[in-house]
Amino acid sequence: MTDRILILNGPNLNLLGTREPATYGSETLSDVEATCERLGAELGFEVSTFQSNHEGALVDKIQEAGREATGVVFNPGAYSHTSIALRDAISGSGALVVEVHISNIHARERFRHHSHITPVAKGMICGLGTEGYLLAIRALAVHMKR
């Protein structure tokens, strides 16, 4: 593994800070990305960030991460519950992925309880707010240093 981590965010996460703040908090995506970059640097990792509302763009980034042996902190948003393409991209690329959700998907609507991503991810963190991103970076750091 290289010493790179990608923070990958799916649909609607560009609206953090304004979209349903009772559920997702008041931090913006830029705030989250900056915090992730700082922690990554402290741990000796180069952190890059990417957000898209388009499934294919996310697939491309996962495939690239797999080729480059870059760890991925991935909040797939609603695609968690619908996207076989993202699941297959993770599985087929060999990307090391930790799935993150700001809210507790198991305490929400029933359709959110199942994630197609979880079975092919190294692990999943949900319900801990944006702190989940930092926990995922720490987890990747442990697995990538081995």
N, C-alpha and C. Protein backbone atom coordinates (compact mmCIF):
# COMPACT_ATOMS: atom_id res chain seq x y z
N MET A 1 0.83 -1.19 0.00
CA MET A 1 0.00 0.00 0.00
C MET A 1 0.87 1.25 0.00
N THR A 2 0.37 2.26 -0.65
CA THR A 2 1.06 3.55 -0.63
C THR A 2 0.62 4.32 0.61
N ASP A 3 1.16 5.45 0.79
CA ASP A 3 0.78 6.28 1.92
C ASP A 3 -0.21 7.35 1.50
N ARG A 4 -1.23 6.90 0.76
CA ARG A 4 -2.26 7.83 0.29
C ARG A 4 -3.64 7.32 0.71
N ILE A 5 -4.48 8.27 1.08
CA ILE A 5 -5.86 7.98 1.43
C ILE A 5 -6.76 8.94 0.65
N LEU A 6 -7.80 8.38 0.08
CA LEU A 6 -8.81 9.17 -0.64
C LEU A 6 -10.06 9.25 0.22
N ILE A 7 -10.55 10.46 0.42
CA ILE A 7 -11.83 10.68 1.09
C ILE A 7 -12.85 10.84 -0.04
N LEU A 8 -13.71 9.85 -0.19
CA LEU A 8 -14.64 9.79 -1.32
C LEU A 8 -16.06 9.95 -0.80
N ASN A 9 -16.77 10.94 -1.33
CA ASN A 9 -18.13 11.24 -0.90
C ASN A 9 -19.10 11.19 -2.07
N GLY A 10 -20.22 10.55 -1.83
CA GLY A 10 -21.24 10.37 -2.84
C GLY A 10 -22.29 11.46 -2.87
N PRO A 11 -23.46 11.11 -3.40
CA PRO A 11 -24.49 12.10 -3.69
C PRO A 11 -25.00 12.86 -2.47
N ASN A 12 -25.22 14.13 -2.69
CA ASN A 12 -25.79 15.07 -1.73
C ASN A 12 -24.87 15.47 -0.60
N LEU A 13 -23.70 14.86 -0.52
CA LEU A 13 -22.79 15.23 0.56
C LEU A 13 -22.17 16.60 0.32
N ASN A 14 -22.27 17.11 -0.89
CA ASN A 14 -21.86 18.49 -1.16
C ASN A 14 -22.76 19.49 -0.42
N LEU A 15 -23.90 19.02 0.07
CA LEU A 15 -24.84 19.89 0.78
C LEU A 15 -24.67 19.85 2.30
N LEU A 16 -23.62 19.16 2.78
CA LEU A 16 -23.40 19.12 4.23
C LEU A 16 -23.36 20.54 4.79
N GLY A 17 -23.92 20.67 5.96
CA GLY A 17 -23.98 21.98 6.61
C GLY A 17 -25.30 22.68 6.41
N THR A 18 -25.97 22.36 5.29
CA THR A 18 -27.27 22.97 5.02
C THR A 18 -28.37 21.92 4.87
N ARG A 19 -28.02 20.71 4.48
CA ARG A 19 -29.00 19.64 4.27
C ARG A 19 -29.29 18.93 5.59
N GLU A 20 -30.50 19.02 6.05
CA GLU A 20 -30.95 18.31 7.25
C GLU A 20 -29.92 18.34 8.38
N PRO A 21 -29.60 19.53 8.90
CA PRO A 21 -28.57 19.62 9.93
C PRO A 21 -28.88 18.82 11.19
N ALA A 22 -30.13 18.55 11.48
CA ALA A 22 -30.47 17.72 12.65
C ALA A 22 -29.97 16.30 12.46
N THR A 23 -29.87 15.86 11.22
CA THR A 23 -29.39 14.50 10.92
C THR A 23 -27.90 14.49 10.62
N TYR A 24 -27.43 15.46 9.84
CA TYR A 24 -26.06 15.42 9.33
C TYR A 24 -25.12 16.45 9.95
N GLY A 25 -25.61 17.30 10.84
CA GLY A 25 -24.76 18.28 11.50
C GLY A 25 -24.59 19.56 10.71
N SER A 26 -23.79 20.45 11.26
CA SER A 26 -23.62 21.77 10.66
C SER A 26 -22.28 21.94 9.94
N GLU A 27 -21.40 20.96 10.04
CA GLU A 27 -20.12 21.06 9.33
C GLU A 27 -20.35 20.95 7.83
N THR A 28 -19.60 21.72 7.07
CA THR A 28 -19.68 21.63 5.62
C THR A 28 -18.74 20.52 5.14
N LEU A 29 -18.88 20.13 3.89
CA LEU A 29 -17.98 19.14 3.32
C LEU A 29 -16.55 19.66 3.34
N SER A 30 -16.37 20.93 3.07
CA SER A 30 -15.02 21.53 3.13
C SER A 30 -14.43 21.42 4.52
N ASP A 31 -15.24 21.62 5.56
CA ASP A 31 -14.78 21.46 6.94
C ASP A 31 -14.30 20.04 7.19
N VAL A 32 -15.11 19.07 6.76
CA VAL A 32 -14.79 17.66 6.96
C VAL A 32 -13.50 17.30 6.22
N GLU A 33 -13.40 17.75 4.98
CA GLU A 33 -12.21 17.45 4.18
C GLU A 33 -10.94 18.03 4.82
N ALA A 34 -11.03 19.27 5.31
CA ALA A 34 -9.86 19.91 5.94
C ALA A 34 -9.44 19.15 7.19
N THR A 35 -10.40 18.72 7.98
CA THR A 35 -10.09 17.95 9.19
C THR A 35 -9.43 16.63 8.83
N CYS A 36 -9.94 15.97 7.79
CA CYS A 36 -9.36 14.71 7.33
C CYS A 36 -7.93 14.91 6.82
N GLU A 37 -7.72 15.98 6.09
CA GLU A 37 -6.38 16.27 5.56
C GLU A 37 -5.39 16.50 6.71
N ARG A 38 -5.82 17.21 7.75
CA ARG A 38 -4.94 17.46 8.91
C ARG A 38 -4.58 16.16 9.61
N LEU A 39 -5.58 15.31 9.86
CA LEU A 39 -5.29 14.04 10.53
C LEU A 39 -4.40 13.16 9.66
N GLY A 40 -4.69 13.11 8.38
CA GLY A 40 -3.87 12.32 7.48
C GLY A 40 -2.41 12.76 7.54
N ALA A 41 -2.18 14.05 7.50
CA ALA A 41 -0.81 14.57 7.56
C ALA A 41 -0.14 14.18 8.88
N GLU A 42 -0.87 14.27 9.99
CA GLU A 42 -0.32 13.88 11.29
C GLU A 42 0.10 12.41 11.28
N LEU A 43 -0.64 11.58 10.56
CA LEU A 43 -0.36 10.14 10.52
C LEU A 43 0.60 9.76 9.40
N GLY A 44 1.03 10.76 8.62
CA GLY A 44 1.99 10.51 7.55
C GLY A 44 1.37 10.08 6.23
N PHE A 45 0.13 10.48 5.99
CA PHE A 45 -0.56 10.13 4.76
C PHE A 45 -0.89 11.37 3.94
N GLU A 46 -0.78 11.23 2.64
CA GLU A 46 -1.26 12.24 1.71
C GLU A 46 -2.75 11.98 1.52
N VAL A 47 -3.57 12.96 1.79
CA VAL A 47 -5.03 12.81 1.70
C VAL A 47 -5.55 13.62 0.53
N SER A 48 -6.32 12.97 -0.33
CA SER A 48 -7.01 13.68 -1.40
C SER A 48 -8.51 13.50 -1.17
N THR A 49 -9.29 14.37 -1.76
CA THR A 49 -10.74 14.33 -1.56
C THR A 49 -11.45 14.40 -2.91
N PHE A 50 -12.63 13.79 -2.94
CA PHE A 50 -13.45 13.83 -4.15
C PHE A 50 -14.90 13.61 -3.75
N GLN A 51 -15.79 14.39 -4.34
CA GLN A 51 -17.23 14.23 -4.13
C GLN A 51 -17.90 14.27 -5.48
N SER A 52 -18.88 13.39 -5.67
CA SER A 52 -19.67 13.44 -6.89
C SER A 52 -21.07 12.95 -6.62
N ASN A 53 -21.99 13.53 -7.34
CA ASN A 53 -23.37 13.06 -7.32
C ASN A 53 -23.60 12.01 -8.40
N HIS A 54 -22.55 11.63 -9.11
CA HIS A 54 -22.66 10.72 -10.26
C HIS A 54 -21.96 9.40 -9.97
N GLU A 55 -22.72 8.35 -10.08
CA GLU A 55 -22.24 7.01 -9.75
C GLU A 55 -21.00 6.61 -10.54
N GLY A 56 -21.00 6.86 -11.83
CA GLY A 56 -19.86 6.48 -12.67
C GLY A 56 -18.57 7.16 -12.26
N ALA A 57 -18.64 8.41 -11.85
CA ALA A 57 -17.44 9.12 -11.40
C ALA A 57 -16.88 8.48 -10.13
N LEU A 58 -17.77 8.01 -9.26
CA LEU A 58 -17.34 7.33 -8.04
C LEU A 58 -16.71 5.98 -8.37
N VAL A 59 -17.30 5.26 -9.32
CA VAL A 59 -16.72 3.98 -9.78
C VAL A 59 -15.32 4.22 -10.31
N ASP A 60 -15.13 5.24 -11.13
CA ASP A 60 -13.81 5.56 -11.68
C ASP A 60 -12.80 5.80 -10.57
N LYS A 61 -13.17 6.54 -9.54
CA LYS A 61 -12.25 6.86 -8.44
C LYS A 61 -11.89 5.60 -7.65
N ILE A 62 -12.85 4.71 -7.44
CA ILE A 62 -12.57 3.47 -6.71
C ILE A 62 -11.62 2.60 -7.52
N GLN A 63 -11.86 2.48 -8.80
CA GLN A 63 -10.95 1.69 -9.65
C GLN A 63 -9.54 2.26 -9.62
N GLU A 64 -9.43 3.57 -9.70
CA GLU A 64 -8.14 4.24 -9.65
C GLU A 64 -7.45 3.97 -8.32
N ALA A 65 -8.20 4.05 -7.23
CA ALA A 65 -7.63 3.80 -5.90
C ALA A 65 -7.11 2.36 -5.81
N GLY A 66 -7.84 1.42 -6.37
CA GLY A 66 -7.39 0.04 -6.37
C GLY A 66 -6.08 -0.14 -7.13
N ARG A 67 -5.98 0.49 -8.29
CA ARG A 67 -4.75 0.40 -9.10
C ARG A 67 -3.57 1.03 -8.39
N GLU A 68 -3.82 2.11 -7.67
CA GLU A 68 -2.74 2.87 -7.04
C GLU A 68 -2.50 2.47 -5.58
N ALA A 69 -3.24 1.47 -5.09
CA ALA A 69 -3.12 1.01 -3.71
C ALA A 69 -3.35 2.15 -2.71
N THR A 70 -4.34 2.96 -3.00
CA THR A 70 -4.72 4.06 -2.12
C THR A 70 -5.87 3.60 -1.24
N GLY A 71 -5.78 3.83 0.06
CA GLY A 71 -6.89 3.52 0.95
C GLY A 71 -8.03 4.50 0.72
N VAL A 72 -9.27 4.04 0.95
CA VAL A 72 -10.43 4.87 0.67
C VAL A 72 -11.36 4.93 1.88
N VAL A 73 -11.66 6.14 2.31
CA VAL A 73 -12.75 6.39 3.25
C VAL A 73 -13.92 6.79 2.38
N PHE A 74 -14.96 5.98 2.38
CA PHE A 74 -16.04 6.16 1.41
C PHE A 74 -17.39 6.32 2.09
N ASN A 75 -17.98 7.50 1.88
CA ASN A 75 -19.36 7.73 2.27
C ASN A 75 -20.17 7.71 0.98
N PRO A 76 -20.76 6.56 0.66
CA PRO A 76 -21.49 6.45 -0.60
C PRO A 76 -22.88 7.07 -0.57
N GLY A 77 -23.28 7.62 0.58
CA GLY A 77 -24.60 8.22 0.67
C GLY A 77 -25.67 7.21 0.28
N ALA A 78 -26.69 7.67 -0.41
CA ALA A 78 -27.81 6.81 -0.79
C ALA A 78 -27.40 5.68 -1.73
N TYR A 79 -26.27 5.82 -2.41
CA TYR A 79 -25.83 4.72 -3.29
C TYR A 79 -25.50 3.45 -2.50
N SER A 80 -25.28 3.58 -1.19
CA SER A 80 -25.05 2.39 -0.36
C SER A 80 -26.15 1.37 -0.54
N HIS A 81 -27.35 1.87 -0.66
CA HIS A 81 -28.53 1.03 -0.64
C HIS A 81 -28.99 0.60 -2.02
N THR A 82 -28.35 1.13 -3.06
CA THR A 82 -28.85 0.86 -4.41
C THR A 82 -27.79 0.42 -5.42
N SER A 83 -26.52 0.64 -5.15
CA SER A 83 -25.53 0.52 -6.22
C SER A 83 -24.74 -0.79 -6.18
N ILE A 84 -25.09 -1.66 -7.09
CA ILE A 84 -24.30 -2.87 -7.32
C ILE A 84 -23.01 -2.48 -8.04
N ALA A 85 -23.06 -1.45 -8.86
CA ALA A 85 -21.87 -1.00 -9.61
C ALA A 85 -20.75 -0.57 -8.66
N LEU A 86 -21.08 0.15 -7.60
CA LEU A 86 -20.06 0.56 -6.64
C LEU A 86 -19.52 -0.64 -5.87
N ARG A 87 -20.41 -1.54 -5.50
CA ARG A 87 -19.99 -2.77 -4.82
C ARG A 87 -19.00 -3.54 -5.70
N ASP A 88 -19.36 -3.71 -6.97
CA ASP A 88 -18.51 -4.44 -7.90
C ASP A 88 -17.18 -3.73 -8.14
N ALA A 89 -17.19 -2.41 -8.15
CA ALA A 89 -15.95 -1.65 -8.34
C ALA A 89 -14.99 -1.91 -7.18
N ILE A 90 -15.51 -1.91 -5.97
CA ILE A 90 -14.67 -2.17 -4.80
C ILE A 90 -14.13 -3.60 -4.86
N SER A 91 -15.02 -4.53 -5.09
CA SER A 91 -14.63 -5.94 -5.13
C SER A 91 -13.65 -6.22 -6.25
N GLY A 92 -13.91 -5.69 -7.43
CA GLY A 92 -13.07 -5.97 -8.59
C GLY A 92 -11.74 -5.25 -8.60
N SER A 93 -11.67 -4.12 -7.93
CA SER A 93 -10.43 -3.32 -7.97
C SER A 93 -9.47 -3.69 -6.85
N GLY A 94 -9.98 -4.36 -5.84
CA GLY A 94 -9.14 -4.66 -4.69
C GLY A 94 -8.88 -3.46 -3.80
N ALA A 95 -9.63 -2.40 -3.98
CA ALA A 95 -9.45 -1.20 -3.16
C ALA A 95 -9.74 -1.52 -1.69
N LEU A 96 -8.93 -0.97 -0.80
CA LEU A 96 -9.14 -1.10 0.64
C LEU A 96 -10.04 0.05 1.07
N VAL A 97 -11.28 -0.28 1.42
CA VAL A 97 -12.31 0.73 1.67
C VAL A 97 -12.87 0.58 3.07
N VAL A 98 -13.03 1.71 3.75
CA VAL A 98 -13.81 1.77 4.98
C VAL A 98 -15.03 2.63 4.66
N GLU A 99 -16.20 2.04 4.83
CA GLU A 99 -17.47 2.72 4.56
C GLU A 99 -17.83 3.57 5.78
N VAL A 100 -18.29 4.80 5.51
CA VAL A 100 -18.66 5.73 6.57
C VAL A 100 -20.04 6.31 6.28
N HIS A 101 -20.83 6.43 7.34
CA HIS A 101 -22.11 7.14 7.28
C HIS A 101 -22.18 8.05 8.50
N ILE A 102 -22.55 9.29 8.27
CA ILE A 102 -22.65 10.27 9.36
C ILE A 102 -23.78 9.89 10.31
N SER A 103 -24.91 9.51 9.76
CA SER A 103 -26.05 9.10 10.59
C SER A 103 -26.01 7.59 10.81
N ASN A 104 -26.79 7.13 11.77
CA ASN A 104 -26.90 5.70 12.02
C ASN A 104 -27.94 5.15 11.06
N ILE A 105 -27.48 4.53 9.98
CA ILE A 105 -28.40 4.05 8.95
C ILE A 105 -29.34 2.97 9.48
N HIS A 106 -28.97 2.31 10.57
CA HIS A 106 -29.81 1.25 11.14
C HIS A 106 -30.92 1.80 12.03
N ALA A 107 -30.85 3.07 12.35
CA ALA A 107 -31.88 3.71 13.17
C ALA A 107 -32.79 4.60 12.33
N ARG A 108 -32.65 4.49 11.02
CA ARG A 108 -33.44 5.33 10.12
C ARG A 108 -34.46 4.48 9.37
N GLU A 109 -34.92 4.97 8.25
CA GLU A 109 -35.92 4.26 7.45
C GLU A 109 -35.40 2.87 7.09
N ARG A 110 -36.31 1.92 7.01
CA ARG A 110 -35.93 0.52 6.76
C ARG A 110 -35.10 0.36 5.48
N PHE A 111 -35.41 1.11 4.43
CA PHE A 111 -34.68 0.95 3.17
C PHE A 111 -33.21 1.32 3.32
N ARG A 112 -32.86 2.04 4.38
CA ARG A 112 -31.45 2.42 4.60
C ARG A 112 -30.67 1.36 5.39
N HIS A 113 -31.34 0.35 5.89
CA HIS A 113 -30.67 -0.63 6.75
C HIS A 113 -29.71 -1.54 6.00
N HIS A 114 -29.92 -1.73 4.73
CA HIS A 114 -29.05 -2.61 3.96
C HIS A 114 -28.08 -1.79 3.11
N SER A 115 -26.81 -2.18 3.16
CA SER A 115 -25.79 -1.55 2.32
C SER A 115 -25.16 -2.61 1.43
N HIS A 116 -25.10 -2.32 0.14
CA HIS A 116 -24.40 -3.21 -0.80
C HIS A 116 -22.89 -3.07 -0.65
N ILE A 117 -22.43 -2.01 -0.01
CA ILE A 117 -21.01 -1.72 0.12
C ILE A 117 -20.38 -2.51 1.27
N THR A 118 -21.09 -2.64 2.36
CA THR A 118 -20.53 -3.25 3.57
C THR A 118 -19.87 -4.61 3.34
N PRO A 119 -20.47 -5.52 2.58
CA PRO A 119 -19.83 -6.84 2.43
C PRO A 119 -18.46 -6.83 1.74
N VAL A 120 -18.15 -5.78 1.00
CA VAL A 120 -16.86 -5.72 0.30
C VAL A 120 -15.92 -4.67 0.90
N ALA A 121 -16.36 -4.02 1.97
CA ALA A 121 -15.52 -3.03 2.66
C ALA A 121 -14.74 -3.71 3.77
N LYS A 122 -13.62 -3.13 4.15
CA LYS A 122 -12.83 -3.62 5.28
C LYS A 122 -13.64 -3.50 6.56
N GLY A 123 -14.41 -2.42 6.64
CA GLY A 123 -15.25 -2.17 7.80
C GLY A 123 -16.23 -1.05 7.51
N MET A 124 -17.13 -0.82 8.48
CA MET A 124 -18.13 0.23 8.32
C MET A 124 -18.32 0.95 9.64
N ILE A 125 -18.39 2.28 9.56
CA ILE A 125 -18.61 3.12 10.72
C ILE A 125 -19.84 3.96 10.43
N CYS A 126 -20.81 3.94 11.35
CA CYS A 126 -21.99 4.77 11.13
C CYS A 126 -22.49 5.32 12.46
N GLY A 127 -23.17 6.47 12.35
CA GLY A 127 -23.86 7.04 13.48
C GLY A 127 -23.01 7.88 14.41
N LEU A 128 -21.76 8.12 14.08
CA LEU A 128 -20.88 8.89 14.96
C LEU A 128 -20.59 10.28 14.41
N GLY A 129 -21.45 10.74 13.52
CA GLY A 129 -21.25 12.05 12.92
C GLY A 129 -20.01 12.06 12.05
N THR A 130 -19.46 13.23 11.86
CA THR A 130 -18.29 13.34 11.00
C THR A 130 -17.03 12.77 11.66
N GLU A 131 -17.09 12.49 12.94
CA GLU A 131 -15.99 11.80 13.62
C GLU A 131 -15.71 10.45 12.97
N GLY A 132 -16.73 9.87 12.34
CA GLY A 132 -16.56 8.59 11.66
C GLY A 132 -15.48 8.64 10.58
N TYR A 133 -15.35 9.76 9.91
CA TYR A 133 -14.29 9.91 8.90
C TYR A 133 -12.91 9.76 9.54
N LEU A 134 -12.73 10.39 10.70
CA LEU A 134 -11.44 10.34 11.37
C LEU A 134 -11.14 8.94 11.90
N LEU A 135 -12.15 8.28 12.41
CA LEU A 135 -11.97 6.90 12.86
C LEU A 135 -11.60 6.01 11.68
N ALA A 136 -12.21 6.25 10.53
CA ALA A 136 -11.91 5.46 9.34
C ALA A 136 -10.47 5.70 8.87
N ILE A 137 -10.00 6.94 8.93
CA ILE A 137 -8.62 7.23 8.56
C ILE A 137 -7.66 6.49 9.49
N ARG A 138 -7.95 6.52 10.77
CA ARG A 138 -7.11 5.82 11.74
C ARG A 138 -7.09 4.30 11.45
N ALA A 139 -8.27 3.75 11.14
CA ALA A 139 -8.35 2.33 10.83
C ALA A 139 -7.54 1.99 9.58
N LEU A 140 -7.69 2.80 8.55
CA LEU A 140 -6.91 2.58 7.32
C LEU A 140 -5.42 2.67 7.60
N ALA A 141 -5.02 3.63 8.41
CA ALA A 141 -3.60 3.81 8.72
C ALA A 141 -3.04 2.53 9.34
N VAL A 142 -3.78 1.92 10.23
CA VAL A 142 -3.33 0.67 10.85
C VAL A 142 -3.19 -0.43 9.80
N HIS A 143 -4.20 -0.58 8.96
CA HIS A 143 -4.18 -1.66 7.96
C HIS A 143 -3.19 -1.41 6.84
N MET A 144 -2.97 -0.16 6.50
CA MET A 144 -2.05 0.16 5.41
C MET A 144 -0.59 0.07 5.85
N LYS A 145 -0.32 0.25 7.12
CA LYS A 145 1.06 0.21 7.62
C LYS A 145 1.53 -1.24 7.81
N ARG A 146 0.59 -2.20 7.81
CA ARG A 146 0.96 -3.61 8.01
C ARG A 146 1.67 -4.15 6.81
